[in-house]
Amino acid sequence: MKSVIPTLQRVGTFSTGLARPVTACRRQQLAILVRDASSSMSGEKAREADAASRTLATELAAPANRGVFTVAVIDFSTSVSNVQPPEAADSLVGHLAPLTASGSTNVADALSEAERIARNAPADLAASRPVVLLFSDGRPNCGGDARTVAASLKAVADVVTVAFGSDADEAFLREIASSPAHAYRCRDGRELRKFFAAVGATLTHSIAAGVPAAGPLASITR
């Protein structure tokens, strides 16, 4: 059966369907990056994840976006292993904590932390639903019921998931995303970097146009 998660083969041609705006409006957006830091992410995968994370932060910190995007970063393994609290995207660039891989894969705790951050977002971010971007190269093997936690999170945020590499549980990641169309697959670090750049551009276009990000985030194409 053909996977409903798009395989990003020609990622250099991602399209959001919108031209890049000259300036972004002053509506603000919270983005929460959730990164799998389990032992299977060690070595080259961790370096690729770091590069993709920097790509996303740099896109959101573009001069046209000054004052618009606030970003939080959650790393998870056996439990939540590292949290960088929400801060301006341009402040985050250059000091993203490197991903340190070890332990198991507790997606439930990571989603719970993302929900806590989303629900406690400052009032000036309330005009836009938070966006959670989670990637994993495996499947949950410890912790609570991630699907239940995801259902609660999706009440307050849009959730985009990425199956990273060949061993990721695509069916599970499709379930916890806001919709099947919000679940993607990236086979390697290059695809992950290109996809994160496309996510950043999509968020930029959406907030500049004053439209919810949920629709455009479900239609990032090759």
N, C-alpha and C. Protein backbone atom coordinates (compact mmCIF):
# COMPACT_ATOMS: atom_id res chain seq x y z
N MET A 1 0.85 -1.21 0.00
CA MET A 1 0.00 0.00 0.00
C MET A 1 0.88 1.25 0.00
N LYS A 2 0.54 2.18 -0.81
CA LYS A 2 1.30 3.42 -0.87
C LYS A 2 1.07 4.23 0.39
N SER A 3 2.15 4.72 1.00
CA SER A 3 2.02 5.50 2.23
C SER A 3 1.31 6.81 1.94
N VAL A 4 0.46 7.24 2.86
CA VAL A 4 -0.19 8.54 2.69
C VAL A 4 0.71 9.66 3.17
N ILE A 5 1.82 9.30 3.81
CA ILE A 5 2.78 10.32 4.18
C ILE A 5 3.65 10.60 2.96
N PRO A 6 3.68 11.87 2.49
CA PRO A 6 4.44 12.15 1.29
C PRO A 6 5.90 11.79 1.45
N THR A 7 6.51 11.14 0.45
CA THR A 7 7.94 10.91 0.43
C THR A 7 8.58 12.10 -0.26
N LEU A 8 9.47 12.79 0.43
CA LEU A 8 10.00 14.05 -0.07
C LEU A 8 11.24 13.75 -0.90
N GLN A 9 11.06 13.49 -2.19
CA GLN A 9 12.17 13.06 -3.03
C GLN A 9 12.85 14.23 -3.72
N ARG A 10 12.10 15.18 -4.19
CA ARG A 10 12.69 16.35 -4.83
C ARG A 10 12.44 17.54 -3.94
N VAL A 11 13.08 17.49 -2.77
CA VAL A 11 12.76 18.48 -1.75
C VAL A 11 13.22 19.87 -2.11
N GLY A 12 14.13 19.99 -3.07
CA GLY A 12 14.56 21.32 -3.46
C GLY A 12 13.47 22.12 -4.13
N THR A 13 12.35 21.49 -4.47
CA THR A 13 11.28 22.18 -5.16
C THR A 13 10.04 22.32 -4.30
N PHE A 14 10.20 22.27 -2.98
CA PHE A 14 9.05 22.50 -2.11
C PHE A 14 8.38 23.81 -2.48
N SER A 15 7.07 23.83 -2.48
CA SER A 15 6.33 25.04 -2.80
C SER A 15 5.25 25.27 -1.77
N THR A 16 5.11 26.51 -1.34
CA THR A 16 4.03 26.86 -0.43
C THR A 16 2.85 27.45 -1.17
N GLY A 17 3.04 27.77 -2.46
CA GLY A 17 1.95 28.33 -3.24
C GLY A 17 1.77 29.82 -3.06
N LEU A 18 2.67 30.44 -2.30
CA LEU A 18 2.58 31.87 -2.04
C LEU A 18 3.93 32.51 -2.30
N ALA A 19 3.93 33.75 -2.80
CA ALA A 19 5.18 34.47 -2.98
C ALA A 19 5.67 34.98 -1.63
N ARG A 20 6.99 35.03 -1.46
CA ARG A 20 7.53 35.54 -0.20
C ARG A 20 7.17 37.01 -0.04
N PRO A 21 6.61 37.39 1.10
CA PRO A 21 6.25 38.79 1.30
C PRO A 21 7.48 39.64 1.53
N VAL A 22 7.37 40.91 1.21
CA VAL A 22 8.47 41.83 1.47
C VAL A 22 8.62 42.08 2.95
N THR A 23 7.51 42.22 3.66
CA THR A 23 7.54 42.40 5.11
C THR A 23 6.48 41.53 5.73
N ALA A 24 6.69 41.19 6.99
CA ALA A 24 5.69 40.42 7.72
C ALA A 24 4.92 41.35 8.62
N CYS A 25 3.66 41.05 8.84
CA CYS A 25 2.85 41.88 9.70
C CYS A 25 3.23 41.60 11.15
N ARG A 26 2.63 42.35 12.08
CA ARG A 26 3.06 42.28 13.46
C ARG A 26 2.31 41.24 14.27
N ARG A 27 1.42 40.45 13.65
CA ARG A 27 0.88 39.32 14.40
C ARG A 27 2.02 38.41 14.79
N GLN A 28 1.87 37.74 15.92
CA GLN A 28 2.96 36.91 16.41
C GLN A 28 2.57 35.43 16.43
N GLN A 29 3.57 34.57 16.41
CA GLN A 29 3.36 33.13 16.29
C GLN A 29 4.34 32.40 17.19
N LEU A 30 3.83 31.40 17.92
CA LEU A 30 4.67 30.51 18.71
C LEU A 30 4.88 29.22 17.94
N ALA A 31 6.14 28.83 17.76
CA ALA A 31 6.50 27.55 17.15
C ALA A 31 7.25 26.72 18.18
N ILE A 32 6.87 25.46 18.31
CA ILE A 32 7.51 24.56 19.28
C ILE A 32 8.13 23.40 18.51
N LEU A 33 9.44 23.30 18.54
CA LEU A 33 10.17 22.24 17.86
C LEU A 33 10.44 21.11 18.84
N VAL A 34 9.96 19.92 18.52
CA VAL A 34 10.08 18.75 19.40
C VAL A 34 10.98 17.73 18.71
N ARG A 35 12.13 17.41 19.34
CA ARG A 35 13.16 16.62 18.67
C ARG A 35 13.41 15.30 19.40
N ASP A 36 13.39 14.23 18.66
CA ASP A 36 13.72 12.90 19.18
C ASP A 36 15.22 12.86 19.51
N ALA A 37 15.53 12.65 20.79
CA ALA A 37 16.93 12.56 21.22
C ALA A 37 17.23 11.19 21.81
N SER A 38 16.51 10.18 21.37
CA SER A 38 16.76 8.82 21.84
C SER A 38 18.08 8.30 21.25
N SER A 39 18.54 7.15 21.74
CA SER A 39 19.85 6.65 21.35
C SER A 39 19.98 6.39 19.85
N SER A 40 18.87 6.09 19.19
CA SER A 40 18.93 5.82 17.75
C SER A 40 19.25 7.08 16.93
N MET A 41 19.17 8.25 17.57
CA MET A 41 19.47 9.51 16.89
C MET A 41 20.94 9.92 17.05
N SER A 42 21.78 9.05 17.57
CA SER A 42 23.17 9.42 17.83
C SER A 42 23.96 9.56 16.53
N GLY A 43 25.12 10.18 16.64
CA GLY A 43 26.02 10.29 15.50
C GLY A 43 25.54 11.22 14.41
N GLU A 44 25.56 10.73 13.18
CA GLU A 44 25.23 11.56 12.03
C GLU A 44 23.80 12.07 12.08
N LYS A 45 22.87 11.27 12.58
CA LYS A 45 21.48 11.72 12.66
C LYS A 45 21.36 12.95 13.57
N ALA A 46 22.07 12.95 14.69
CA ALA A 46 22.03 14.10 15.60
C ALA A 46 22.58 15.34 14.91
N ARG A 47 23.66 15.18 14.18
CA ARG A 47 24.24 16.32 13.47
C ARG A 47 23.28 16.83 12.39
N GLU A 48 22.62 15.91 11.71
CA GLU A 48 21.64 16.32 10.70
C GLU A 48 20.45 17.04 11.34
N ALA A 49 20.02 16.56 12.49
CA ALA A 49 18.90 17.20 13.19
C ALA A 49 19.29 18.60 13.65
N ASP A 50 20.52 18.76 14.12
CA ASP A 50 20.99 20.08 14.52
C ASP A 50 20.99 21.04 13.34
N ALA A 51 21.48 20.58 12.20
CA ALA A 51 21.52 21.43 11.01
C ALA A 51 20.11 21.83 10.57
N ALA A 52 19.18 20.89 10.61
CA ALA A 52 17.79 21.20 10.24
C ALA A 52 17.18 22.20 11.21
N SER A 53 17.48 22.04 12.50
CA SER A 53 16.95 22.95 13.51
C SER A 53 17.47 24.36 13.27
N ARG A 54 18.74 24.48 12.93
CA ARG A 54 19.31 25.80 12.63
C ARG A 54 18.65 26.40 11.39
N THR A 55 18.36 25.57 10.42
CA THR A 55 17.69 26.05 9.20
C THR A 55 16.32 26.64 9.53
N LEU A 56 15.55 25.95 10.36
CA LEU A 56 14.23 26.46 10.75
C LEU A 56 14.36 27.77 11.50
N ALA A 57 15.26 27.82 12.49
CA ALA A 57 15.42 29.04 13.28
C ALA A 57 15.85 30.20 12.41
N THR A 58 16.76 29.96 11.48
CA THR A 58 17.24 31.02 10.60
C THR A 58 16.12 31.55 9.71
N GLU A 59 15.30 30.65 9.19
CA GLU A 59 14.16 31.07 8.35
C GLU A 59 13.20 31.94 9.14
N LEU A 60 12.89 31.54 10.37
CA LEU A 60 11.94 32.30 11.18
C LEU A 60 12.54 33.61 11.69
N ALA A 61 13.88 33.69 11.70
CA ALA A 61 14.54 34.90 12.18
C ALA A 61 14.89 35.87 11.05
N ALA A 62 14.37 35.63 9.85
CA ALA A 62 14.65 36.53 8.73
C ALA A 62 14.28 37.96 9.09
N PRO A 63 14.98 38.95 8.54
CA PRO A 63 14.70 40.35 8.89
C PRO A 63 13.23 40.74 8.76
N ALA A 64 12.54 40.21 7.76
CA ALA A 64 11.13 40.55 7.58
C ALA A 64 10.27 40.03 8.72
N ASN A 65 10.79 39.07 9.49
CA ASN A 65 10.03 38.47 10.58
C ASN A 65 10.39 39.02 11.95
N ARG A 66 11.15 40.07 12.00
CA ARG A 66 11.61 40.56 13.30
C ARG A 66 10.43 40.82 14.24
N GLY A 67 10.50 40.23 15.42
CA GLY A 67 9.46 40.41 16.42
C GLY A 67 8.24 39.54 16.22
N VAL A 68 8.24 38.68 15.20
CA VAL A 68 7.05 37.89 14.87
C VAL A 68 7.07 36.51 15.52
N PHE A 69 8.17 35.79 15.38
CA PHE A 69 8.19 34.39 15.80
C PHE A 69 8.90 34.18 17.13
N THR A 70 8.24 33.41 17.98
CA THR A 70 8.81 32.93 19.23
C THR A 70 8.95 31.42 19.12
N VAL A 71 10.11 30.89 19.52
CA VAL A 71 10.39 29.47 19.32
C VAL A 71 10.81 28.82 20.63
N ALA A 72 10.24 27.64 20.89
CA ALA A 72 10.68 26.79 22.00
C ALA A 72 11.20 25.49 21.42
N VAL A 73 12.14 24.86 22.12
CA VAL A 73 12.71 23.59 21.66
C VAL A 73 12.62 22.57 22.79
N ILE A 74 12.10 21.39 22.47
CA ILE A 74 11.97 20.30 23.44
C ILE A 74 12.70 19.09 22.87
N ASP A 75 13.67 18.56 23.62
CA ASP A 75 14.32 17.31 23.25
C ASP A 75 13.82 16.22 24.19
N PHE A 76 13.58 15.03 23.65
CA PHE A 76 13.06 13.95 24.49
C PHE A 76 13.77 12.64 24.20
N SER A 77 13.92 11.85 25.25
CA SER A 77 14.41 10.48 25.13
C SER A 77 13.59 9.63 26.08
N THR A 78 14.20 9.10 27.16
CA THR A 78 13.42 8.35 28.14
C THR A 78 12.41 9.25 28.85
N SER A 79 12.75 10.52 28.93
CA SER A 79 11.85 11.57 29.42
C SER A 79 12.23 12.83 28.65
N VAL A 80 11.62 13.95 29.00
CA VAL A 80 12.04 15.21 28.39
C VAL A 80 13.46 15.50 28.88
N SER A 81 14.41 15.58 27.97
CA SER A 81 15.81 15.69 28.36
C SER A 81 16.36 17.10 28.29
N ASN A 82 15.72 17.97 27.54
CA ASN A 82 16.18 19.35 27.44
C ASN A 82 15.04 20.22 26.94
N VAL A 83 14.90 21.39 27.53
CA VAL A 83 13.89 22.36 27.08
C VAL A 83 14.56 23.72 26.95
N GLN A 84 14.46 24.32 25.78
CA GLN A 84 14.82 25.72 25.62
C GLN A 84 13.52 26.51 25.61
N PRO A 85 13.28 27.31 26.65
CA PRO A 85 12.00 28.01 26.78
C PRO A 85 11.75 28.95 25.60
N PRO A 86 10.51 29.36 25.40
CA PRO A 86 10.19 30.23 24.28
C PRO A 86 11.02 31.51 24.29
N GLU A 87 11.58 31.84 23.15
CA GLU A 87 12.31 33.09 22.99
C GLU A 87 12.23 33.52 21.53
N ALA A 88 12.55 34.78 21.28
CA ALA A 88 12.50 35.31 19.92
C ALA A 88 13.39 34.49 19.00
N ALA A 89 12.91 34.23 17.80
CA ALA A 89 13.67 33.40 16.86
C ALA A 89 15.05 33.97 16.59
N ASP A 90 15.15 35.30 16.46
CA ASP A 90 16.45 35.87 16.17
C ASP A 90 17.41 35.76 17.35
N SER A 91 16.88 35.61 18.56
CA SER A 91 17.73 35.37 19.73
C SER A 91 18.20 33.93 19.78
N LEU A 92 17.38 33.02 19.27
CA LEU A 92 17.70 31.60 19.32
C LEU A 92 18.79 31.21 18.33
N VAL A 93 18.83 31.90 17.19
CA VAL A 93 19.83 31.58 16.17
C VAL A 93 21.23 31.72 16.76
N GLY A 94 22.04 30.71 16.57
CA GLY A 94 23.41 30.77 17.07
C GLY A 94 23.62 30.11 18.40
N HIS A 95 22.54 29.87 19.16
CA HIS A 95 22.75 29.16 20.42
C HIS A 95 21.69 28.10 20.69
N LEU A 96 21.26 27.44 19.62
CA LEU A 96 20.45 26.24 19.78
C LEU A 96 21.29 25.16 20.44
N ALA A 97 20.77 24.55 21.49
CA ALA A 97 21.50 23.48 22.16
C ALA A 97 21.65 22.29 21.22
N PRO A 98 22.84 21.70 21.12
CA PRO A 98 23.00 20.51 20.27
C PRO A 98 22.20 19.34 20.81
N LEU A 99 21.71 18.51 19.91
CA LEU A 99 20.95 17.34 20.31
C LEU A 99 21.90 16.28 20.85
N THR A 100 21.66 15.84 22.09
CA THR A 100 22.46 14.80 22.73
C THR A 100 21.61 13.55 22.85
N ALA A 101 21.98 12.52 22.10
CA ALA A 101 21.14 11.33 21.98
C ALA A 101 21.50 10.26 23.01
N SER A 102 20.46 9.72 23.67
CA SER A 102 20.63 8.59 24.59
C SER A 102 19.24 8.13 25.01
N GLY A 103 19.15 6.91 25.52
CA GLY A 103 17.92 6.45 26.13
C GLY A 103 16.84 6.01 25.15
N SER A 104 15.61 5.95 25.68
CA SER A 104 14.46 5.43 24.97
C SER A 104 13.66 6.55 24.30
N THR A 105 12.42 6.24 23.88
CA THR A 105 11.61 7.19 23.11
C THR A 105 10.27 7.41 23.80
N ASN A 106 10.18 8.50 24.56
CA ASN A 106 8.98 8.82 25.33
C ASN A 106 8.28 10.00 24.67
N VAL A 107 7.46 9.72 23.69
CA VAL A 107 6.78 10.79 22.95
C VAL A 107 5.72 11.46 23.81
N ALA A 108 5.07 10.70 24.68
CA ALA A 108 3.99 11.26 25.50
C ALA A 108 4.47 12.41 26.36
N ASP A 109 5.61 12.25 27.02
CA ASP A 109 6.13 13.32 27.87
C ASP A 109 6.48 14.56 27.05
N ALA A 110 7.02 14.34 25.85
CA ALA A 110 7.38 15.47 24.99
C ALA A 110 6.14 16.25 24.56
N LEU A 111 5.09 15.54 24.18
CA LEU A 111 3.85 16.20 23.78
C LEU A 111 3.21 16.92 24.96
N SER A 112 3.30 16.34 26.14
CA SER A 112 2.76 16.97 27.33
C SER A 112 3.48 18.28 27.62
N GLU A 113 4.80 18.29 27.46
CA GLU A 113 5.56 19.52 27.66
C GLU A 113 5.21 20.56 26.60
N ALA A 114 5.02 20.12 25.37
CA ALA A 114 4.60 21.05 24.31
C ALA A 114 3.25 21.67 24.63
N GLU A 115 2.33 20.86 25.14
CA GLU A 115 1.02 21.40 25.51
C GLU A 115 1.14 22.40 26.66
N ARG A 116 2.00 22.10 27.63
CA ARG A 116 2.19 23.03 28.74
C ARG A 116 2.67 24.38 28.22
N ILE A 117 3.64 24.36 27.32
CA ILE A 117 4.17 25.61 26.76
C ILE A 117 3.09 26.33 25.96
N ALA A 118 2.34 25.59 25.16
CA ALA A 118 1.31 26.21 24.33
C ALA A 118 0.22 26.86 25.18
N ARG A 119 -0.20 26.17 26.22
CA ARG A 119 -1.28 26.70 27.06
C ARG A 119 -0.82 27.87 27.92
N ASN A 120 0.47 27.99 28.15
CA ASN A 120 1.00 29.08 28.97
C ASN A 120 1.65 30.17 28.14
N ALA A 121 1.37 30.19 26.85
CA ALA A 121 1.95 31.21 25.98
C ALA A 121 1.47 32.60 26.39
N PRO A 122 2.32 33.61 26.26
CA PRO A 122 1.93 34.98 26.59
C PRO A 122 0.72 35.44 25.78
N ALA A 123 0.01 36.39 26.32
CA ALA A 123 -1.22 36.87 25.68
C ALA A 123 -0.97 37.42 24.28
N ASP A 124 0.22 38.00 24.04
CA ASP A 124 0.47 38.59 22.72
C ASP A 124 0.64 37.54 21.63
N LEU A 125 0.71 36.26 22.02
CA LEU A 125 0.78 35.18 21.04
C LEU A 125 -0.58 34.52 20.81
N ALA A 126 -1.60 35.00 21.50
CA ALA A 126 -2.90 34.32 21.49
C ALA A 126 -3.64 34.45 20.16
N ALA A 127 -3.26 35.41 19.33
CA ALA A 127 -3.98 35.62 18.07
C ALA A 127 -3.74 34.51 17.06
N SER A 128 -2.68 33.75 17.23
CA SER A 128 -2.35 32.65 16.31
C SER A 128 -2.20 31.35 17.08
N ARG A 129 -2.76 30.26 16.54
CA ARG A 129 -2.57 28.97 17.19
C ARG A 129 -1.10 28.58 17.15
N PRO A 130 -0.56 28.08 18.26
CA PRO A 130 0.82 27.59 18.23
C PRO A 130 0.96 26.45 17.22
N VAL A 131 2.16 26.31 16.70
CA VAL A 131 2.48 25.22 15.78
C VAL A 131 3.55 24.35 16.43
N VAL A 132 3.27 23.06 16.51
CA VAL A 132 4.22 22.09 17.05
C VAL A 132 4.77 21.27 15.89
N LEU A 133 6.09 21.22 15.78
CA LEU A 133 6.77 20.45 14.73
C LEU A 133 7.60 19.37 15.41
N LEU A 134 7.17 18.12 15.28
CA LEU A 134 7.84 17.00 15.94
C LEU A 134 8.44 16.06 14.91
N PHE A 135 9.70 15.66 15.14
CA PHE A 135 10.27 14.62 14.28
C PHE A 135 10.84 13.49 15.13
N SER A 136 10.74 12.29 14.58
CA SER A 136 11.24 11.09 15.26
C SER A 136 11.72 10.09 14.22
N ASP A 137 12.74 9.31 14.62
CA ASP A 137 13.23 8.27 13.72
C ASP A 137 12.78 6.88 14.14
N GLY A 138 11.84 6.82 15.11
CA GLY A 138 11.42 5.51 15.60
C GLY A 138 9.96 5.49 16.00
N ARG A 139 9.71 4.91 17.16
CA ARG A 139 8.35 4.79 17.69
C ARG A 139 8.43 4.84 19.21
N PRO A 140 7.35 5.18 19.91
CA PRO A 140 7.39 5.21 21.37
C PRO A 140 7.68 3.81 21.93
N ASN A 141 8.58 3.76 22.92
CA ASN A 141 8.83 2.49 23.60
C ASN A 141 8.89 2.64 25.11
N CYS A 142 8.42 3.79 25.60
CA CYS A 142 8.25 3.98 27.04
C CYS A 142 7.32 5.18 27.24
N GLY A 143 6.89 5.39 28.47
CA GLY A 143 6.02 6.52 28.77
C GLY A 143 4.55 6.19 28.60
N GLY A 144 3.72 7.22 28.69
CA GLY A 144 2.28 7.05 28.64
C GLY A 144 1.75 6.93 27.22
N ASP A 145 0.44 7.09 27.11
CA ASP A 145 -0.24 6.96 25.82
C ASP A 145 -0.10 8.27 25.04
N ALA A 146 0.80 8.28 24.07
CA ALA A 146 1.06 9.49 23.31
C ALA A 146 -0.15 9.94 22.51
N ARG A 147 -0.98 9.02 22.08
CA ARG A 147 -2.16 9.40 21.29
C ARG A 147 -3.13 10.21 22.13
N THR A 148 -3.31 9.83 23.38
CA THR A 148 -4.20 10.58 24.27
C THR A 148 -3.66 11.98 24.52
N VAL A 149 -2.36 12.07 24.77
CA VAL A 149 -1.74 13.38 25.00
C VAL A 149 -1.84 14.23 23.73
N ALA A 150 -1.62 13.61 22.58
CA ALA A 150 -1.70 14.34 21.32
C ALA A 150 -3.09 14.92 21.09
N ALA A 151 -4.12 14.16 21.44
CA ALA A 151 -5.48 14.66 21.27
C ALA A 151 -5.71 15.92 22.08
N SER A 152 -5.17 15.95 23.29
CA SER A 152 -5.29 17.15 24.13
C SER A 152 -4.49 18.31 23.55
N LEU A 153 -3.29 18.01 23.07
CA LEU A 153 -2.45 19.05 22.47
C LEU A 153 -3.11 19.65 21.24
N LYS A 154 -3.72 18.81 20.42
CA LYS A 154 -4.32 19.30 19.17
C LYS A 154 -5.52 20.21 19.41
N ALA A 155 -6.03 20.22 20.62
CA ALA A 155 -7.11 21.16 20.94
C ALA A 155 -6.61 22.60 21.01
N VAL A 156 -5.29 22.77 21.21
CA VAL A 156 -4.75 24.12 21.39
C VAL A 156 -3.64 24.46 20.40
N ALA A 157 -3.21 23.51 19.57
CA ALA A 157 -2.09 23.76 18.67
C ALA A 157 -2.24 22.92 17.40
N ASP A 158 -1.60 23.38 16.33
CA ASP A 158 -1.49 22.59 15.11
C ASP A 158 -0.23 21.74 15.21
N VAL A 159 -0.35 20.45 14.90
CA VAL A 159 0.76 19.52 15.08
C VAL A 159 1.19 18.95 13.72
N VAL A 160 2.44 19.18 13.37
CA VAL A 160 3.05 18.63 12.16
C VAL A 160 4.10 17.61 12.60
N THR A 161 4.09 16.43 11.99
CA THR A 161 5.06 15.40 12.35
C THR A 161 5.91 15.01 11.15
N VAL A 162 7.12 14.56 11.45
CA VAL A 162 8.04 14.11 10.41
C VAL A 162 8.60 12.75 10.80
N ALA A 163 8.41 11.77 9.94
CA ALA A 163 9.06 10.46 10.08
C ALA A 163 10.44 10.59 9.45
N PHE A 164 11.49 10.53 10.28
CA PHE A 164 12.85 10.79 9.83
C PHE A 164 13.60 9.47 9.66
N GLY A 165 14.04 9.19 8.46
CA GLY A 165 14.77 7.96 8.20
C GLY A 165 13.85 6.80 7.87
N SER A 166 14.46 5.63 7.72
CA SER A 166 13.72 4.46 7.22
C SER A 166 13.00 3.67 8.30
N ASP A 167 13.33 3.90 9.58
CA ASP A 167 12.75 3.09 10.65
C ASP A 167 11.63 3.77 11.43
N ALA A 168 11.31 4.99 11.08
CA ALA A 168 10.27 5.73 11.82
C ALA A 168 8.91 5.09 11.63
N ASP A 169 8.09 5.15 12.66
CA ASP A 169 6.74 4.58 12.63
C ASP A 169 5.80 5.60 11.99
N GLU A 170 5.63 5.50 10.69
CA GLU A 170 4.83 6.48 9.96
C GLU A 170 3.37 6.46 10.39
N ALA A 171 2.82 5.28 10.63
CA ALA A 171 1.41 5.19 11.02
C ALA A 171 1.16 5.91 12.33
N PHE A 172 2.05 5.72 13.30
CA PHE A 172 1.91 6.40 14.59
C PHE A 172 2.02 7.91 14.42
N LEU A 173 3.01 8.36 13.68
CA LEU A 173 3.21 9.80 13.51
C LEU A 173 2.05 10.43 12.75
N ARG A 174 1.43 9.67 11.87
CA ARG A 174 0.24 10.17 11.17
C ARG A 174 -0.92 10.34 12.15
N GLU A 175 -1.03 9.43 13.13
CA GLU A 175 -2.10 9.51 14.12
C GLU A 175 -1.98 10.72 15.02
N ILE A 176 -0.77 11.08 15.40
CA ILE A 176 -0.62 12.18 16.36
C ILE A 176 -0.57 13.54 15.69
N ALA A 177 -0.44 13.59 14.36
CA ALA A 177 -0.48 14.86 13.65
C ALA A 177 -1.90 15.42 13.64
N SER A 178 -2.03 16.69 13.32
CA SER A 178 -3.36 17.31 13.27
C SER A 178 -4.27 16.63 12.27
N SER A 179 -3.70 16.13 11.19
CA SER A 179 -4.44 15.35 10.19
C SER A 179 -3.41 14.52 9.45
N PRO A 180 -3.84 13.50 8.68
CA PRO A 180 -2.86 12.75 7.89
C PRO A 180 -2.03 13.63 6.96
N ALA A 181 -2.63 14.71 6.48
CA ALA A 181 -1.91 15.61 5.58
C ALA A 181 -0.83 16.42 6.29
N HIS A 182 -0.87 16.45 7.62
CA HIS A 182 0.15 17.16 8.39
C HIS A 182 1.31 16.24 8.77
N ALA A 183 1.34 15.02 8.26
CA ALA A 183 2.41 14.07 8.54
C ALA A 183 3.27 13.89 7.29
N TYR A 184 4.56 14.03 7.45
CA TYR A 184 5.49 13.96 6.33
C TYR A 184 6.60 12.95 6.61
N ARG A 185 7.36 12.62 5.58
CA ARG A 185 8.49 11.73 5.73
C ARG A 185 9.71 12.35 5.08
N CYS A 186 10.83 12.33 5.79
CA CYS A 186 12.12 12.77 5.25
C CYS A 186 13.11 11.63 5.39
N ARG A 187 13.72 11.24 4.30
CA ARG A 187 14.57 10.06 4.34
C ARG A 187 15.95 10.33 4.92
N ASP A 188 16.43 11.58 4.84
CA ASP A 188 17.79 11.86 5.30
C ASP A 188 17.89 13.31 5.73
N GLY A 189 19.11 13.70 6.14
CA GLY A 189 19.31 15.04 6.66
C GLY A 189 19.06 16.13 5.64
N ARG A 190 19.41 15.87 4.40
CA ARG A 190 19.17 16.88 3.37
C ARG A 190 17.68 17.15 3.22
N GLU A 191 16.90 16.10 3.17
CA GLU A 191 15.45 16.29 3.05
C GLU A 191 14.89 16.99 4.29
N LEU A 192 15.42 16.66 5.46
CA LEU A 192 14.93 17.29 6.68
C LEU A 192 15.22 18.79 6.67
N ARG A 193 16.43 19.17 6.25
CA ARG A 193 16.76 20.59 6.17
C ARG A 193 15.85 21.32 5.19
N LYS A 194 15.64 20.73 4.01
CA LYS A 194 14.79 21.36 3.01
C LYS A 194 13.35 21.48 3.51
N PHE A 195 12.88 20.45 4.19
CA PHE A 195 11.52 20.49 4.69
C PHE A 195 11.37 21.55 5.78
N PHE A 196 12.34 21.63 6.70
CA PHE A 196 12.26 22.64 7.75
C PHE A 196 12.30 24.05 7.17
N ALA A 197 13.08 24.24 6.11
CA ALA A 197 13.08 25.54 5.44
C ALA A 197 11.70 25.84 4.86
N ALA A 198 11.06 24.82 4.29
CA ALA A 198 9.72 25.01 3.73
C ALA A 198 8.70 25.31 4.82
N VAL A 199 8.83 24.66 5.98
CA VAL A 199 7.94 24.96 7.11
C VAL A 199 8.11 26.41 7.54
N GLY A 200 9.36 26.86 7.67
CA GLY A 200 9.61 28.25 8.06
C GLY A 200 9.02 29.23 7.06
N ALA A 201 9.19 28.95 5.77
CA ALA A 201 8.63 29.82 4.74
C ALA A 201 7.10 29.82 4.79
N THR A 202 6.52 28.66 5.03
CA THR A 202 5.06 28.56 5.11
C THR A 202 4.51 29.37 6.28
N LEU A 203 5.16 29.28 7.42
CA LEU A 203 4.72 30.07 8.58
C LEU A 203 4.86 31.56 8.30
N THR A 204 5.96 31.94 7.65
CA THR A 204 6.16 33.35 7.30
C THR A 204 5.05 33.85 6.38
N HIS A 205 4.75 33.10 5.33
CA HIS A 205 3.71 33.50 4.39
C HIS A 205 2.35 33.58 5.08
N SER A 206 2.06 32.60 5.92
CA SER A 206 0.74 32.53 6.55
C SER A 206 0.49 33.72 7.47
N ILE A 207 1.48 34.03 8.29
CA ILE A 207 1.26 35.11 9.24
C ILE A 207 1.27 36.46 8.55
N ALA A 208 2.05 36.59 7.48
CA ALA A 208 2.05 37.84 6.72
C ALA A 208 0.71 38.06 6.03
N ALA A 209 0.09 36.96 5.59
CA ALA A 209 -1.20 37.05 4.92
C ALA A 209 -2.36 37.11 5.89
N GLY A 210 -2.09 36.89 7.18
CA GLY A 210 -3.15 36.92 8.18
C GLY A 210 -4.07 35.73 8.11
N VAL A 211 -3.54 34.58 7.67
CA VAL A 211 -4.37 33.37 7.56
C VAL A 211 -3.83 32.31 8.51
N PRO A 212 -4.70 31.41 9.01
CA PRO A 212 -4.23 30.32 9.87
C PRO A 212 -3.20 29.46 9.14
N ALA A 213 -2.23 28.96 9.89
CA ALA A 213 -1.16 28.17 9.27
C ALA A 213 -1.58 26.74 8.97
N ALA A 214 -2.66 26.26 9.60
CA ALA A 214 -3.01 24.84 9.50
C ALA A 214 -3.17 24.37 8.06
N GLY A 215 -3.88 25.12 7.24
CA GLY A 215 -4.10 24.72 5.85
C GLY A 215 -2.81 24.66 5.05
N PRO A 216 -2.05 25.75 5.01
CA PRO A 216 -0.79 25.72 4.27
C PRO A 216 0.19 24.65 4.77
N LEU A 217 0.21 24.39 6.07
CA LEU A 217 1.12 23.38 6.60
C LEU A 217 0.75 21.97 6.14
N ALA A 218 -0.49 21.79 5.73
CA ALA A 218 -0.94 20.48 5.24
C ALA A 218 -0.72 20.31 3.74
N SER A 219 -0.20 21.32 3.09
CA SER A 219 -0.09 21.25 1.63
C SER A 219 1.30 21.65 1.14
N ILE A 220 2.32 21.41 1.95
CA ILE A 220 3.69 21.61 1.49
C ILE A 220 3.99 20.53 0.46
N THR A 221 4.36 20.94 -0.74
CA THR A 221 4.50 19.98 -1.84
C THR A 221 5.94 19.90 -2.32
N ARG A 222 6.18 18.83 -3.09
CA ARG A 222 7.50 18.65 -3.69
C ARG A 222 7.69 19.61 -4.85
